[in-house]
């Protein structure tokens, strides 16, 4: 199986920015849904509580997406040691 060459840093940065833009849109939608659900269930609206909910949920989603984006993965989507025997894949 041919080994792919190194990916240029500019390409990685561009892919990360695009990924985070989509994640930011997703976080805004999720936070808006959460605020609507909380506001619908409350008889008396407290603006600071709604702002806190929106920021908390939105930033949590963004943090989770950033952690996943920075996790080291094989771009091919396959395990490098899929066909290896247990003795070959054992580092000890």
N, C-alpha and C. Protein backbone atom coordinates (compact mmCIF):
# COMPACT_ATOMS: atom_id res chain seq x y z
N UNK A 1 0.85 -1.17 0.00
CA UNK A 1 0.00 0.00 0.00
C UNK A 1 0.90 1.23 0.00
N UNK A 2 0.67 2.17 -0.93
CA UNK A 2 1.51 3.37 -0.98
C UNK A 2 1.26 4.27 0.23
N UNK A 3 2.33 4.84 0.71
CA UNK A 3 2.25 5.77 1.85
C UNK A 3 2.06 7.17 1.30
N UNK A 4 0.99 7.88 1.74
CA UNK A 4 0.78 9.24 1.24
C UNK A 4 1.86 10.18 1.76
N UNK A 5 2.16 11.18 0.96
CA UNK A 5 3.16 12.17 1.35
C UNK A 5 2.63 13.08 2.44
N UNK A 6 3.50 13.92 3.00
CA UNK A 6 3.05 14.83 4.06
C UNK A 6 2.06 15.86 3.52
N UNK A 7 1.11 16.23 4.35
CA UNK A 7 0.10 17.21 3.97
C UNK A 7 0.63 18.59 4.33
N UNK A 8 0.59 19.54 3.39
CA UNK A 8 1.08 20.90 3.69
C UNK A 8 0.30 21.54 4.84
N UNK A 9 1.00 22.35 5.62
CA UNK A 9 0.39 22.99 6.79
C UNK A 9 -0.76 23.91 6.40
N UNK A 10 -0.67 24.56 5.28
CA UNK A 10 -1.73 25.46 4.83
C UNK A 10 -3.02 24.69 4.57
N UNK A 11 -2.89 23.51 3.99
CA UNK A 11 -4.05 22.67 3.73
C UNK A 11 -4.70 22.21 5.03
N UNK A 12 -3.89 21.86 6.00
CA UNK A 12 -4.41 21.43 7.30
C UNK A 12 -5.13 22.58 7.99
N UNK A 13 -4.53 23.75 7.95
CA UNK A 13 -5.14 24.93 8.58
C UNK A 13 -6.46 25.28 7.91
N UNK A 14 -6.50 25.21 6.58
CA UNK A 14 -7.72 25.53 5.84
C UNK A 14 -8.83 24.53 6.19
N UNK A 15 -8.47 23.26 6.27
CA UNK A 15 -9.45 22.23 6.62
C UNK A 15 -9.97 22.43 8.05
N UNK A 16 -9.07 22.80 8.97
CA UNK A 16 -9.48 23.03 10.36
C UNK A 16 -10.42 24.22 10.46
N UNK A 17 -10.13 25.30 9.78
CA UNK A 17 -10.98 26.50 9.81
C UNK A 17 -12.35 26.18 9.24
N UNK A 18 -12.39 25.44 8.14
CA UNK A 18 -13.68 25.07 7.56
C UNK A 18 -14.47 24.18 8.52
N UNK A 19 -13.79 23.25 9.16
CA UNK A 19 -14.42 22.34 10.12
C UNK A 19 -14.98 23.13 11.30
N UNK A 20 -14.22 24.11 11.79
CA UNK A 20 -14.67 24.90 12.94
C UNK A 20 -15.81 25.85 12.58
N UNK A 21 -15.87 26.31 11.33
CA UNK A 21 -17.00 27.14 10.91
C UNK A 21 -18.30 26.34 10.95
N UNK A 22 -18.24 25.14 10.44
CA UNK A 22 -19.42 24.27 10.48
C UNK A 22 -19.79 23.96 11.93
N UNK A 23 -18.78 23.71 12.75
CA UNK A 23 -19.02 23.42 14.17
C UNK A 23 -19.63 24.63 14.88
N UNK A 24 -19.19 25.83 14.55
CA UNK A 24 -19.75 27.03 15.16
C UNK A 24 -21.22 27.20 14.78
N UNK A 25 -21.55 26.94 13.54
CA UNK A 25 -22.95 27.01 13.12
C UNK A 25 -23.78 25.96 13.86
N UNK A 26 -23.23 24.76 14.01
CA UNK A 26 -23.92 23.70 14.74
C UNK A 26 -24.10 24.09 16.21
N UNK A 27 -23.08 24.67 16.82
CA UNK A 27 -23.17 25.08 18.22
C UNK A 27 -24.22 26.16 18.42
N UNK A 28 -24.33 27.08 17.48
CA UNK A 28 -25.34 28.14 17.57
C UNK A 28 -26.74 27.55 17.48
N UNK A 29 -26.93 26.62 16.57
CA UNK A 29 -28.24 25.99 16.41
C UNK A 29 -28.61 25.20 17.67
N UNK A 30 -27.68 24.43 18.21
CA UNK A 30 -27.94 23.64 19.41
C UNK A 30 -28.23 24.55 20.61
N UNK A 31 -27.46 25.62 20.75
CA UNK A 31 -27.69 26.55 21.86
C UNK A 31 -29.04 27.25 21.71
N UNK A 32 -29.42 27.60 20.50
CA UNK A 32 -30.72 28.25 20.29
C UNK A 32 -31.86 27.30 20.63
N UNK A 33 -31.73 26.02 20.25
CA UNK A 33 -32.75 25.04 20.59
C UNK A 33 -32.86 24.89 22.11
N UNK A 34 -31.72 24.84 22.79
CA UNK A 34 -31.73 24.71 24.24
C UNK A 34 -32.39 25.92 24.91
N UNK A 35 -32.09 27.11 24.43
CA UNK A 35 -32.69 28.33 25.00
C UNK A 35 -34.20 28.33 24.76
N UNK A 36 -34.62 27.92 23.56
CA UNK A 36 -36.06 27.87 23.28
C UNK A 36 -36.77 26.86 24.18
N UNK A 37 -36.15 25.71 24.39
CA UNK A 37 -36.77 24.71 25.26
C UNK A 37 -36.87 25.19 26.70
N UNK A 38 -35.83 25.85 27.18
CA UNK A 38 -35.86 26.37 28.55
C UNK A 38 -36.87 27.51 28.67
N UNK A 39 -36.89 28.39 27.69
CA UNK A 39 -37.81 29.53 27.73
C UNK A 39 -39.26 29.06 27.63
N UNK A 40 -39.50 28.00 26.88
CA UNK A 40 -40.86 27.49 26.74
C UNK A 40 -41.37 26.87 28.05
N UNK A 41 -40.46 26.30 28.82
CA UNK A 41 -40.85 25.65 30.06
C UNK A 41 -40.94 26.59 31.25
N UNK A 42 -40.41 27.78 31.15
CA UNK A 42 -40.41 28.74 32.26
C UNK A 42 -41.59 29.70 32.12
N UNK A 43 -42.25 29.99 33.23
CA UNK A 43 -43.33 30.98 33.19
C UNK A 43 -42.75 32.40 33.27
N UNK A 44 -41.62 32.52 33.95
CA UNK A 44 -40.97 33.81 34.10
C UNK A 44 -39.58 33.71 33.48
N UNK A 45 -39.28 34.56 32.51
CA UNK A 45 -37.99 34.50 31.82
C UNK A 45 -36.95 35.31 32.57
N UNK A 46 -35.80 34.72 32.75
CA UNK A 46 -34.66 35.41 33.35
C UNK A 46 -33.57 35.47 32.28
N UNK A 47 -33.31 36.66 31.80
CA UNK A 47 -32.36 36.86 30.70
C UNK A 47 -30.96 36.36 31.04
N UNK A 48 -30.42 36.63 32.25
CA UNK A 48 -29.08 36.12 32.54
C UNK A 48 -29.00 34.59 32.49
N UNK A 49 -30.08 33.91 32.90
CA UNK A 49 -30.09 32.46 32.84
C UNK A 49 -30.07 31.97 31.39
N UNK A 50 -30.82 32.62 30.52
CA UNK A 50 -30.85 32.22 29.11
C UNK A 50 -29.50 32.48 28.44
N UNK A 51 -28.85 33.58 28.79
CA UNK A 51 -27.53 33.88 28.24
C UNK A 51 -26.52 32.84 28.71
N UNK A 52 -26.61 32.49 29.98
CA UNK A 52 -25.69 31.49 30.53
C UNK A 52 -25.89 30.14 29.86
N UNK A 53 -27.13 29.75 29.64
CA UNK A 53 -27.40 28.48 28.97
C UNK A 53 -26.86 28.49 27.56
N UNK A 54 -27.10 29.57 26.83
CA UNK A 54 -26.63 29.66 25.45
C UNK A 54 -25.10 29.59 25.38
N UNK A 55 -24.44 30.36 26.24
CA UNK A 55 -22.97 30.35 26.23
C UNK A 55 -22.41 29.01 26.69
N UNK A 56 -22.98 28.44 27.73
CA UNK A 56 -22.49 27.17 28.25
C UNK A 56 -22.61 26.05 27.25
N UNK A 57 -23.77 25.91 26.64
CA UNK A 57 -23.97 24.83 25.68
C UNK A 57 -23.17 25.09 24.40
N UNK A 58 -23.18 26.32 23.92
CA UNK A 58 -22.44 26.63 22.69
C UNK A 58 -20.95 26.41 22.83
N UNK A 59 -20.37 26.88 23.93
CA UNK A 59 -18.93 26.71 24.13
C UNK A 59 -18.56 25.26 24.41
N UNK A 60 -19.45 24.52 25.05
CA UNK A 60 -19.18 23.10 25.29
C UNK A 60 -19.15 22.33 23.98
N UNK A 61 -20.07 22.63 23.09
CA UNK A 61 -20.08 21.97 21.77
C UNK A 61 -18.82 22.33 21.00
N UNK A 62 -18.44 23.60 21.02
CA UNK A 62 -17.22 24.01 20.31
C UNK A 62 -15.97 23.36 20.89
N UNK A 63 -15.90 23.25 22.20
CA UNK A 63 -14.75 22.61 22.83
C UNK A 63 -14.67 21.14 22.44
N UNK A 64 -15.79 20.46 22.46
CA UNK A 64 -15.81 19.05 22.06
C UNK A 64 -15.38 18.86 20.62
N UNK A 65 -15.85 19.72 19.74
CA UNK A 65 -15.47 19.63 18.33
C UNK A 65 -13.98 19.92 18.15
N UNK A 66 -13.45 20.89 18.88
CA UNK A 66 -12.03 21.22 18.77
C UNK A 66 -11.17 20.06 19.26
N UNK A 67 -11.58 19.39 20.32
CA UNK A 67 -10.82 18.24 20.81
C UNK A 67 -10.80 17.13 19.76
N UNK A 68 -11.94 16.88 19.14
CA UNK A 68 -12.01 15.86 18.10
C UNK A 68 -11.17 16.29 16.89
N UNK A 69 -11.19 17.56 16.55
CA UNK A 69 -10.43 18.05 15.39
C UNK A 69 -8.93 17.92 15.61
N UNK A 70 -8.47 18.09 16.84
CA UNK A 70 -7.04 18.00 17.12
C UNK A 70 -6.56 16.59 17.42
N UNK A 71 -7.48 15.64 17.54
CA UNK A 71 -7.06 14.27 17.85
C UNK A 71 -6.34 13.68 16.64
N UNK A 72 -5.24 12.97 16.89
CA UNK A 72 -4.48 12.41 15.78
C UNK A 72 -5.24 11.26 15.13
N UNK A 73 -5.45 11.36 13.83
CA UNK A 73 -6.14 10.29 13.11
C UNK A 73 -5.37 9.97 11.85
N UNK A 74 -5.63 8.81 11.36
CA UNK A 74 -5.09 8.40 10.08
C UNK A 74 -6.07 8.89 9.02
N UNK A 75 -5.64 9.70 8.09
CA UNK A 75 -6.54 10.31 7.10
C UNK A 75 -7.19 9.27 6.19
N UNK A 76 -6.62 8.08 6.07
CA UNK A 76 -7.20 7.08 5.19
C UNK A 76 -8.45 6.45 5.80
N UNK A 77 -8.65 6.61 7.10
CA UNK A 77 -9.81 6.03 7.75
C UNK A 77 -9.63 4.58 8.13
N UNK A 78 -8.46 4.03 7.94
CA UNK A 78 -8.19 2.63 8.26
C UNK A 78 -7.11 2.55 9.32
N UNK A 79 -7.19 1.51 10.09
CA UNK A 79 -6.17 1.26 11.09
C UNK A 79 -4.89 0.80 10.41
N UNK A 80 -3.76 1.29 10.84
CA UNK A 80 -2.49 0.88 10.24
C UNK A 80 -2.12 -0.55 10.58
N UNK A 81 -2.63 -1.06 11.68
CA UNK A 81 -2.27 -2.40 12.12
C UNK A 81 -3.44 -3.37 11.98
N UNK A 82 -4.32 -3.15 11.03
CA UNK A 82 -5.50 -3.99 10.89
C UNK A 82 -5.13 -5.44 10.62
N UNK A 83 -4.19 -5.65 9.74
CA UNK A 83 -3.83 -7.02 9.38
C UNK A 83 -2.68 -7.59 10.19
N UNK A 84 -2.20 -6.86 11.18
CA UNK A 84 -1.05 -7.30 11.95
C UNK A 84 -1.45 -8.36 12.97
N UNK A 85 -0.54 -9.25 13.25
CA UNK A 85 -0.78 -10.24 14.29
C UNK A 85 -0.60 -9.57 15.65
N UNK A 86 -1.13 -10.15 16.73
CA UNK A 86 -1.01 -9.53 18.05
C UNK A 86 0.42 -9.28 18.47
N UNK A 87 1.34 -10.14 18.08
CA UNK A 87 2.74 -9.93 18.50
C UNK A 87 3.36 -8.74 17.76
N UNK A 88 2.92 -8.48 16.53
CA UNK A 88 3.46 -7.35 15.77
C UNK A 88 2.92 -6.01 16.27
N UNK A 89 1.67 -5.98 16.71
CA UNK A 89 1.08 -4.72 17.15
C UNK A 89 1.35 -4.41 18.61
N UNK A 90 1.85 -5.37 19.38
CA UNK A 90 2.16 -5.17 20.80
C UNK A 90 3.48 -4.42 20.93
N UNK A 91 3.47 -3.21 21.54
CA UNK A 91 4.71 -2.43 21.62
C UNK A 91 5.73 -3.01 22.59
N UNK A 92 5.37 -3.91 23.49
CA UNK A 92 6.33 -4.40 24.47
C UNK A 92 7.15 -5.55 23.98
